[in-house]
Amino acid sequence: MAPQPAAPGSHQSDPVRRRRLRWRARRGLLENDLVLTRFLDLHEEALTDEQVGGLDELLELSDNSLMDLILERAEPDPGQLSPQARRVLQMLREA
């Protein structure tokens, strides 16, 4: 079965949005930058708009907080992250 074309205005149909996401994923902490680059190299073409929203939410965190979550040195507080962000966090941990 052929993949469905991306909906107009979605992350997948808009190359500008995809470039912005990559730019936004660049971090001051090298370790975060490496993890996020590897994650996007592996998953960017398949990310849904919902997953992009979860990633955007994670990118709002400070570098140190994000690294602690990715490395499982910390867990998000209840209600801190949406279900979409928690799913993307799990994907980041597996990347």
PDB file of N, CA and C in Angstrom:
ATOM      1  N   MET A   1       0.841  -1.171   0.000  1.00  0.00           N
ATOM      2  CA  MET A   1       0.000   0.000   0.000  1.00  0.00           C
ATOM      3  C   MET A   1       0.895   1.247   0.000  1.00  0.00           C
ATOM      4  N   ALA A   2       0.610   2.197  -0.876  1.00  0.00           N
ATOM      5  CA  ALA A   2       1.391   3.418  -0.996  1.00  0.00           C
ATOM      6  C   ALA A   2       1.089   4.349   0.171  1.00  0.00           C
ATOM      7  N   PRO A   3       2.104   5.097   0.632  1.00  0.00           N
ATOM      8  CA  PRO A   3       1.856   6.043   1.724  1.00  0.00           C
ATOM      9  C   PRO A   3       0.882   7.129   1.291  1.00  0.00           C
ATOM     10  N   GLN A   4       0.105   7.607   2.234  1.00  0.00           N
ATOM     11  CA  GLN A   4      -0.858   8.667   1.970  1.00  0.00           C
ATOM     12  C   GLN A   4      -0.106   9.978   1.779  1.00  0.00           C
ATOM     13  N   PRO A   5      -0.548  10.811   0.818  1.00  0.00           N
ATOM     14  CA  PRO A   5       0.099  12.114   0.692  1.00  0.00           C
ATOM     15  C   PRO A   5      -0.194  12.965   1.919  1.00  0.00           C
ATOM     16  N   ALA A   6       0.734  13.832   2.233  1.00  0.00           N
ATOM     17  CA  ALA A   6       0.573  14.698   3.405  1.00  0.00           C
ATOM     18  C   ALA A   6      -0.520  15.721   3.150  1.00  0.00           C
ATOM     19  N   ALA A   7      -1.272  16.019   4.190  1.00  0.00           N
ATOM     20  CA  ALA A   7      -2.323  17.017   4.101  1.00  0.00           C
ATOM     21  C   ALA A   7      -1.703  18.397   3.901  1.00  0.00           C
ATOM     22  N   PRO A   8      -2.356  19.256   3.098  1.00  0.00           N
ATOM     23  CA  PRO A   8      -1.832  20.616   2.930  1.00  0.00           C
ATOM     24  C   PRO A   8      -1.680  21.297   4.298  1.00  0.00           C
ATOM     25  N   GLY A   9      -0.580  21.997   4.479  1.00  0.00           N
ATOM     26  CA  GLY A   9      -0.336  22.694   5.731  1.00  0.00           C
ATOM     27  C   GLY A   9       0.255  21.823   6.821  1.00  0.00           C
ATOM     28  N   SER A  10       0.431  20.544   6.552  1.00  0.00           N
ATOM     29  CA  SER A  10       1.013  19.655   7.559  1.00  0.00           C
ATOM     30  C   SER A  10       2.527  19.798   7.551  1.00  0.00           C
ATOM     31  N   HIS A  11       3.127  19.274   8.589  1.00  0.00           N
ATOM     32  CA  HIS A  11       4.587  19.287   8.693  1.00  0.00           C
ATOM     33  C   HIS A  11       5.219  18.635   7.464  1.00  0.00           C
ATOM     34  N   GLN A  12       4.692  17.505   7.046  1.00  0.00           N
ATOM     35  CA  GLN A  12       5.296  16.758   5.950  1.00  0.00           C
ATOM     36  C   GLN A  12       5.143  17.459   4.606  1.00  0.00           C
ATOM     37  N   SER A  13       4.097  18.253   4.418  1.00  0.00           N
ATOM     38  CA  SER A  13       3.877  18.890   3.120  1.00  0.00           C
ATOM     39  C   SER A  13       4.565  20.241   2.991  1.00  0.00           C
ATOM     40  N   ASP A  14       5.179  20.728   4.060  1.00  0.00           N
ATOM     41  CA  ASP A  14       5.735  22.076   4.059  1.00  0.00           C
ATOM     42  C   ASP A  14       7.240  22.035   4.334  1.00  0.00           C
ATOM     43  N   PRO A  15       8.060  22.148   3.287  1.00  0.00           N
ATOM     44  CA  PRO A  15       9.508  22.081   3.486  1.00  0.00           C
ATOM     45  C   PRO A  15      10.041  23.183   4.404  1.00  0.00           C
ATOM     46  N   VAL A  16       9.388  24.332   4.410  1.00  0.00           N
ATOM     47  CA  VAL A  16       9.828  25.423   5.281  1.00  0.00           C
ATOM     48  C   VAL A  16       9.634  25.016   6.740  1.00  0.00           C
ATOM     49  N   ARG A  17       8.497  24.428   7.065  1.00  0.00           N
ATOM     50  CA  ARG A  17       8.251  23.972   8.438  1.00  0.00           C
ATOM     51  C   ARG A  17       9.259  22.904   8.839  1.00  0.00           C
ATOM     52  N   ARG A  18       9.608  22.030   7.902  1.00  0.00           N
ATOM     53  CA  ARG A  18      10.582  20.978   8.208  1.00  0.00           C
ATOM     54  C   ARG A  18      11.955  21.579   8.486  1.00  0.00           C
ATOM     55  N   ARG A  19      12.363  22.582   7.710  1.00  0.00           N
ATOM     56  CA  ARG A  19      13.661  23.240   7.950  1.00  0.00           C
ATOM     57  C   ARG A  19      13.650  23.971   9.291  1.00  0.00           C
ATOM     58  N   ARG A  20      12.529  24.629   9.603  1.00  0.00           N
ATOM     59  CA  ARG A  20      12.433  25.340  10.882  1.00  0.00           C
ATOM     60  C   ARG A  20      12.550  24.376  12.054  1.00  0.00           C
ATOM     61  N   LEU A  21      11.930  23.203  11.927  1.00  0.00           N
ATOM     62  CA  LEU A  21      12.012  22.220  13.000  1.00  0.00           C
ATOM     63  C   LEU A  21      13.464  21.805  13.219  1.00  0.00           C
ATOM     64  N   ARG A  22      14.180  21.529  12.159  1.00  0.00           N
ATOM     65  CA  ARG A  22      15.600  21.162  12.291  1.00  0.00           C
ATOM     66  C   ARG A  22      16.398  22.299  12.917  1.00  0.00           C
ATOM     67  N   TRP A  23      16.118  23.529  12.484  1.00  0.00           N
ATOM     68  CA  TRP A  23      16.846  24.664  13.048  1.00  0.00           C
ATOM     69  C   TRP A  23      16.533  24.806  14.528  1.00  0.00           C
ATOM     70  N   ARG A  24      15.267  24.660  14.871  1.00  0.00           N
ATOM     71  CA  ARG A  24      14.849  24.804  16.266  1.00  0.00           C
ATOM     72  C   ARG A  24      15.438  23.706  17.151  1.00  0.00           C
ATOM     73  N   ALA A  25      15.706  22.552  16.577  1.00  0.00           N
ATOM     74  CA  ALA A  25      16.253  21.425  17.336  1.00  0.00           C
ATOM     75  C   ALA A  25      17.735  21.611  17.645  1.00  0.00           C
ATOM     76  N   ARG A  26      18.370  22.592  17.028  1.00  0.00           N
ATOM     77  CA  ARG A  26      19.780  22.855  17.344  1.00  0.00           C
ATOM     78  C   ARG A  26      19.846  23.428  18.749  1.00  0.00           C
ATOM     79  N   ARG A  27      20.699  22.850  19.562  1.00  0.00           N
ATOM     80  CA  ARG A  27      20.753  23.230  20.967  1.00  0.00           C
ATOM     81  C   ARG A  27      22.142  23.709  21.344  1.00  0.00           C
ATOM     82  N   GLY A  28      22.226  24.419  22.462  1.00  0.00           N
ATOM     83  CA  GLY A  28      23.510  24.879  22.970  1.00  0.00           C
ATOM     84  C   GLY A  28      24.315  23.749  23.576  1.00  0.00           C
ATOM     85  N   LEU A  29      23.646  22.746  24.095  1.00  0.00           N
ATOM     86  CA  LEU A  29      24.315  21.604  24.701  1.00  0.00           C
ATOM     87  C   LEU A  29      24.579  20.574  23.601  1.00  0.00           C
ATOM     88  N   LEU A  30      25.844  20.305  23.331  1.00  0.00           N
ATOM     89  CA  LEU A  30      26.230  19.438  22.222  1.00  0.00           C
ATOM     90  C   LEU A  30      25.543  18.076  22.283  1.00  0.00           C
ATOM     91  N   GLU A  31      25.429  17.509  23.472  1.00  0.00           N
ATOM     92  CA  GLU A  31      24.817  16.189  23.601  1.00  0.00           C
ATOM     93  C   GLU A  31      23.368  16.207  23.114  1.00  0.00           C
ATOM     94  N   ASN A  32      22.617  17.251  23.469  1.00  0.00           N
ATOM     95  CA  ASN A  32      21.238  17.384  22.976  1.00  0.00           C
ATOM     96  C   ASN A  32      21.229  17.521  21.466  1.00  0.00           C
ATOM     97  N   ASP A  33      22.126  18.341  20.963  1.00  0.00           N
ATOM     98  CA  ASP A  33      22.199  18.561  19.526  1.00  0.00           C
ATOM     99  C   ASP A  33      22.430  17.246  18.786  1.00  0.00           C
ATOM    100  N   LEU A  34      23.330  16.434  19.297  1.00  0.00           N
ATOM    101  CA  LEU A  34      23.622  15.143  18.655  1.00  0.00           C
ATOM    102  C   LEU A  34      22.421  14.203  18.704  1.00  0.00           C
ATOM    103  N   VAL A  35      21.768  14.120  19.854  1.00  0.00           N
ATOM    104  CA  VAL A  35      20.605  13.227  19.992  1.00  0.00           C
ATOM    105  C   VAL A  35      19.477  13.690  19.085  1.00  0.00           C
ATOM    106  N   LEU A  36      19.183  14.982  19.085  1.00  0.00           N
ATOM    107  CA  LEU A  36      18.083  15.503  18.280  1.00  0.00           C
ATOM    108  C   LEU A  36      18.366  15.375  16.789  1.00  0.00           C
ATOM    109  N   THR A  37      19.613  15.600  16.379  1.00  0.00           N
ATOM    110  CA  THR A  37      19.963  15.437  14.966  1.00  0.00           C
ATOM    111  C   THR A  37      19.797  13.984  14.539  1.00  0.00           C
ATOM    112  N   ARG A  38      20.273  13.064  15.361  1.00  0.00           N
ATOM    113  CA  ARG A  38      20.122  11.643  15.039  1.00  0.00           C
ATOM    114  C   ARG A  38      18.639  11.258  14.981  1.00  0.00           C
ATOM    115  N   PHE A  39      17.868  11.750  15.940  1.00  0.00           N
ATOM    116  CA  PHE A  39      16.431  11.477  15.976  1.00  0.00           C
ATOM    117  C   PHE A  39      15.761  11.970  14.687  1.00  0.00           C
ATOM    118  N   LEU A  40      16.056  13.201  14.290  1.00  0.00           N
ATOM    119  CA  LEU A  40      15.429  13.737  13.082  1.00  0.00           C
ATOM    120  C   LEU A  40      15.917  13.014  11.834  1.00  0.00           C
ATOM    121  N   ASP A  41      17.180  12.628  11.799  1.00  0.00           N
ATOM    122  CA  ASP A  41      17.682  11.850  10.664  1.00  0.00           C
ATOM    123  C   ASP A  41      16.906  10.546  10.517  1.00  0.00           C
ATOM    124  N   LEU A  42      16.566   9.933  11.642  1.00  0.00           N
ATOM    125  CA  LEU A  42      15.855   8.650  11.622  1.00  0.00           C
ATOM    126  C   LEU A  42      14.350   8.794  11.395  1.00  0.00           C
ATOM    127  N   HIS A  43      13.741   9.833  11.965  1.00  0.00           N
ATOM    128  CA  HIS A  43      12.280   9.876  12.044  1.00  0.00           C
ATOM    129  C   HIS A  43      11.598  11.046  11.357  1.00  0.00           C
ATOM    130  N   GLU A  44      12.331  12.054  10.930  1.00  0.00           N
ATOM    131  CA  GLU A  44      11.675  13.270  10.455  1.00  0.00           C
ATOM    132  C   GLU A  44      10.661  13.015   9.347  1.00  0.00           C
ATOM    133  N   GLU A  45      10.996  12.185   8.400  1.00  0.00           N
ATOM    134  CA  GLU A  45      10.105  11.966   7.261  1.00  0.00           C
ATOM    135  C   GLU A  45       8.809  11.271   7.649  1.00  0.00           C
ATOM    136  N   ALA A  46       8.785  10.619   8.799  1.00  0.00           N
ATOM    137  CA  ALA A  46       7.590   9.890   9.218  1.00  0.00           C
ATOM    138  C   ALA A  46       6.827  10.581  10.350  1.00  0.00           C
ATOM    139  N   LEU A  47       7.344  11.687  10.878  1.00  0.00           N
ATOM    140  CA  LEU A  47       6.679  12.341  12.001  1.00  0.00           C
ATOM    141  C   LEU A  47       5.313  12.882  11.591  1.00  0.00           C
ATOM    142  N   THR A  48       4.348  12.655  12.437  1.00  0.00           N
ATOM    143  CA  THR A  48       3.023  13.223  12.232  1.00  0.00           C
ATOM    144  C   THR A  48       3.001  14.630  12.812  1.00  0.00           C
ATOM    145  N   ASP A  49       1.979  15.379  12.454  1.00  0.00           N
ATOM    146  CA  ASP A  49       1.842  16.729  13.034  1.00  0.00           C
ATOM    147  C   ASP A  49       1.724  16.647  14.548  1.00  0.00           C
ATOM    148  N   GLU A  50       1.061  15.618  15.050  1.00  0.00           N
ATOM    149  CA  GLU A  50       0.917  15.423  16.496  1.00  0.00           C
ATOM    150  C   GLU A  50       2.288  15.204  17.144  1.00  0.00           C
ATOM    151  N   GLN A  51       3.121  14.405  16.513  1.00  0.00           N
ATOM    152  CA  GLN A  51       4.458  14.154  17.049  1.00  0.00           C
ATOM    153  C   GLN A  51       5.325  15.408  16.965  1.00  0.00           C
ATOM    154  N   VAL A  52       5.180  16.174  15.904  1.00  0.00           N
ATOM    155  CA  VAL A  52       5.920  17.435  15.795  1.00  0.00           C
ATOM    156  C   VAL A  52       5.497  18.374  16.923  1.00  0.00           C
ATOM    157  N   GLY A  53       4.210  18.395  17.241  1.00  0.00           N
ATOM    158  CA  GLY A  53       3.739  19.202  18.361  1.00  0.00           C
ATOM    159  C   GLY A  53       4.363  18.759  19.672  1.00  0.00           C
ATOM    160  N   GLY A  54       4.475  17.442  19.876  1.00  0.00           N
ATOM    161  CA  GLY A  54       5.125  16.920  21.076  1.00  0.00           C
ATOM    162  C   GLY A  54       6.591  17.284  21.127  1.00  0.00           C
ATOM    163  N   LEU A  55       7.265  17.221  19.981  1.00  0.00           N
ATOM    164  CA  LEU A  55       8.679  17.603  19.926  1.00  0.00           C
ATOM    165  C   LEU A  55       8.829  19.093  20.209  1.00  0.00           C
ATOM    166  N   ASP A  56       7.947  19.917  19.643  1.00  0.00           N
ATOM    167  CA  ASP A  56       7.984  21.353  19.929  1.00  0.00           C
ATOM    168  C   ASP A  56       7.873  21.608  21.428  1.00  0.00           C
ATOM    169  N   GLU A  57       7.004  20.871  22.076  1.00  0.00           N
ATOM    170  CA  GLU A  57       6.830  21.024  23.528  1.00  0.00           C
ATOM    171  C   GLU A  57       8.128  20.678  24.265  1.00  0.00           C
ATOM    172  N   LEU A  58       8.782  19.611  23.852  1.00  0.00           N
ATOM    173  CA  LEU A  58      10.055  19.237  24.482  1.00  0.00           C
ATOM    174  C   LEU A  58      11.133  20.283  24.225  1.00  0.00           C
ATOM    175  N   LEU A  59      11.116  20.888  23.051  1.00  0.00           N
ATOM    176  CA  LEU A  59      12.128  21.881  22.709  1.00  0.00           C
ATOM    177  C   LEU A  59      11.963  23.169  23.506  1.00  0.00           C
ATOM    178  N   GLU A  60      10.842  23.340  24.176  1.00  0.00           N
ATOM    179  CA  GLU A  60      10.625  24.498  25.047  1.00  0.00           C
ATOM    180  C   GLU A  60      11.389  24.348  26.368  1.00  0.00           C
ATOM    181  N   LEU A  61      11.797  23.134  26.699  1.00  0.00           N
ATOM    182  CA  LEU A  61      12.523  22.879  27.946  1.00  0.00           C
ATOM    183  C   LEU A  61      13.947  23.409  27.851  1.00  0.00           C
ATOM    184  N   SER A  62      14.542  23.678  28.999  1.00  0.00           N
ATOM    185  CA  SER A  62      15.952  24.076  29.007  1.00  0.00           C
ATOM    186  C   SER A  62      16.809  22.896  28.541  1.00  0.00           C
ATOM    187  N   ASP A  63      18.003  23.199  28.084  1.00  0.00           N
ATOM    188  CA  ASP A  63      18.907  22.138  27.615  1.00  0.00           C
ATOM    189  C   ASP A  63      19.156  21.087  28.691  1.00  0.00           C
ATOM    190  N   ASN A  64      19.433  21.529  29.902  1.00  0.00           N
ATOM    191  CA  ASN A  64      19.737  20.577  30.969  1.00  0.00           C
ATOM    192  C   ASN A  64      18.523  19.723  31.330  1.00  0.00           C
ATOM    193  N   SER A  65      17.349  20.328  31.388  1.00  0.00           N
ATOM    194  CA  SER A  65      16.133  19.557  31.695  1.00  0.00           C
ATOM    195  C   SER A  65      15.852  18.528  30.609  1.00  0.00           C
ATOM    196  N   LEU A  66      16.005  18.947  29.359  1.00  0.00           N
ATOM    197  CA  LEU A  66      15.768  18.025  28.254  1.00  0.00           C
ATOM    198  C   LEU A  66      16.762  16.863  28.298  1.00  0.00           C
ATOM    199  N   MET A  67      18.037  17.153  28.523  1.00  0.00           N
ATOM    200  CA  MET A  67      19.041  16.083  28.578  1.00  0.00           C
ATOM    201  C   MET A  67      18.742  15.124  29.723  1.00  0.00           C
ATOM    202  N   ASP A  68      18.364  15.641  30.877  1.00  0.00           N
ATOM    203  CA  ASP A  68      18.026  14.765  32.010  1.00  0.00           C
ATOM    204  C   ASP A  68      16.864  13.846  31.663  1.00  0.00           C
ATOM    205  N   LEU A  69      15.868  14.357  30.944  1.00  0.00           N
ATOM    206  CA  LEU A  69      14.733  13.510  30.548  1.00  0.00           C
ATOM    207  C   LEU A  69      15.160  12.460  29.535  1.00  0.00           C
ATOM    208  N   ILE A  70      15.931  12.863  28.536  1.00  0.00           N
ATOM    209  CA  ILE A  70      16.360  11.918  27.500  1.00  0.00           C
ATOM    210  C   ILE A  70      17.206  10.797  28.094  1.00  0.00           C
ATOM    211  N   LEU A  71      18.110  11.160  29.011  1.00  0.00           N
ATOM    212  CA  LEU A  71      19.001  10.159  29.611  1.00  0.00           C
ATOM    213  C   LEU A  71      18.358   9.423  30.789  1.00  0.00           C
ATOM    214  N   GLU A  72      17.104   9.729  31.047  1.00  0.00           N
ATOM    215  CA  GLU A  72      16.342   9.092  32.127  1.00  0.00           C
ATOM    216  C   GLU A  72      16.942   9.356  33.504  1.00  0.00           C
ATOM    217  N   ARG A  73      17.631  10.496  33.633  1.00  0.00           N
ATOM    218  CA  ARG A  73      18.103  10.924  34.947  1.00  0.00           C
ATOM    219  C   ARG A  73      16.967  11.577  35.721  1.00  0.00           C
ATOM    220  N   ALA A  74      15.911  11.921  34.988  1.00  0.00           N
ATOM    221  CA  ALA A  74      14.721  12.519  35.591  1.00  0.00           C
ATOM    222  C   ALA A  74      13.509  12.046  34.794  1.00  0.00           C
ATOM    223  N   GLU A  75      12.379  12.073  35.445  1.00  0.00           N
ATOM    224  CA  GLU A  75      11.111  11.774  34.792  1.00  0.00           C
ATOM    225  C   GLU A  75      10.261  13.039  34.848  1.00  0.00           C
ATOM    226  N   PRO A  76       9.430  13.264  33.830  1.00  0.00           N
ATOM    227  CA  PRO A  76       8.591  14.463  33.874  1.00  0.00           C
ATOM    228  C   PRO A  76       7.608  14.408  35.041  1.00  0.00           C
ATOM    229  N   ASP A  77       7.364  15.560  35.629  1.00  0.00           N
ATOM    230  CA  ASP A  77       6.365  15.644  36.690  1.00  0.00           C
ATOM    231  C   ASP A  77       4.990  15.361  36.094  1.00  0.00           C
ATOM    232  N   PRO A  78       4.072  14.841  36.912  1.00  0.00           N
ATOM    233  CA  PRO A  78       2.711  14.623  36.406  1.00  0.00           C
ATOM    234  C   PRO A  78       2.143  15.934  35.856  1.00  0.00           C
ATOM    235  N   GLY A  79       1.605  15.870  34.673  1.00  0.00           N
ATOM    236  CA  GLY A  79       1.017  17.042  34.053  1.00  0.00           C
ATOM    237  C   GLY A  79       2.016  17.978  33.388  1.00  0.00           C
ATOM    238  N   GLN A  80       3.315  17.697  33.514  1.00  0.00           N
ATOM    239  CA  GLN A  80       4.329  18.570  32.922  1.00  0.00           C
ATOM    240  C   GLN A  80       4.317  18.486  31.399  1.00  0.00           C
ATOM    241  N   LEU A  81       4.135  17.283  30.870  1.00  0.00           N
ATOM    242  CA  LEU A  81       4.173  17.070  29.425  1.00  0.00           C
ATOM    243  C   LEU A  81       2.865  16.454  28.940  1.00  0.00           C
ATOM    244  N   SER A  82       2.486  16.824  27.740  1.00  0.00           N
ATOM    245  CA  SER A  82       1.300  16.235  27.113  1.00  0.00           C
ATOM    246  C   SER A  82       1.602  14.784  26.741  1.00  0.00           C
ATOM    247  N   PRO A  83       0.568  13.998  26.480  1.00  0.00           N
ATOM    248  CA  PRO A  83       0.801  12.613  26.027  1.00  0.00           C
ATOM    249  C   PRO A  83       1.649  12.553  24.752  1.00  0.00           C
ATOM    250  N   GLN A  84       1.451  13.517  23.847  1.00  0.00           N
ATOM    251  CA  GLN A  84       2.241  13.531  22.607  1.00  0.00           C
ATOM    252  C   GLN A  84       3.721  13.748  22.922  1.00  0.00           C
ATOM    253  N   ALA A  85       4.015  14.674  23.831  1.00  0.00           N
ATOM    254  CA  ALA A  85       5.411  14.942  24.194  1.00  0.00           C
ATOM    255  C   ALA A  85       6.020  13.730  24.888  1.00  0.00           C
ATOM    256  N   ARG A  86       5.250  13.040  25.706  1.00  0.00           N
ATOM    257  CA  ARG A  86       5.759  11.833  26.367  1.00  0.00           C
ATOM    258  C   ARG A  86       6.089  10.741  25.353  1.00  0.00           C
ATOM    259  N   ARG A  87       5.262  10.609  24.306  1.00  0.00           N
ATOM    260  CA  ARG A  87       5.541   9.606  23.267  1.00  0.00           C
ATOM    261  C   ARG A  87       6.818   9.964  22.507  1.00  0.00           C
ATOM    262  N   VAL A  88       6.990  11.243  22.185  1.00  0.00           N
ATOM    263  CA  VAL A  88       8.204  11.668  21.482  1.00  0.00           C
ATOM    264  C   VAL A  88       9.422  11.503  22.382  1.00  0.00           C
ATOM    265  N   LEU A  89       9.266  11.789  23.663  1.00  0.00           N
ATOM    266  CA  LEU A  89      10.371  11.576  24.606  1.00  0.00           C
ATOM    267  C   LEU A  89      10.802  10.108  24.582  1.00  0.00           C
ATOM    268  N   GLN A  90       9.853   9.207  24.549  1.00  0.00           N
ATOM    269  CA  GLN A  90      10.188   7.781  24.492  1.00  0.00           C
ATOM    270  C   GLN A  90      10.944   7.467  23.191  1.00  0.00           C
ATOM    271  N   MET A  91      10.513   8.069  22.093  1.00  0.00           N
ATOM    272  CA  MET A  91      11.209   7.873  20.821  1.00  0.00           C
ATOM    273  C   MET A  91      12.637   8.419  20.901  1.00  0.00           C
ATOM    274  N   LEU A  92      12.815   9.569  21.551  1.00  0.00           N
ATOM    275  CA  LEU A  92      14.154  10.143  21.707  1.00  0.00           C
ATOM    276  C   LEU A  92      15.040   9.236  22.537  1.00  0.00           C
ATOM    277  N   ARG A  93      14.476   8.664  23.574  1.00  0.00           N
ATOM    278  CA  ARG A  93      15.249   7.764  24.436  1.00  0.00           C
ATOM    279  C   ARG A  93      15.686   6.524  23.674  1.00  0.00           C
ATOM    280  N   GLU A  94      14.929   6.122  22.687  1.00  0.00           N
ATOM    281  CA  GLU A  94      15.258   4.922  21.915  1.00  0.00           C
ATOM    282  C   GLU A  94      16.161   5.219  20.724  1.00  0.00           C
ATOM    283  N   ALA A  95      16.344   6.513  20.392  1.00  0.00           N
ATOM    284  CA  ALA A  95      17.140   6.879  19.196  1.00  0.00           C
ATOM    285  C   ALA A  95      18.626   6.688  19.443  1.00  0.00           C
TER     286      ALA A  95
END
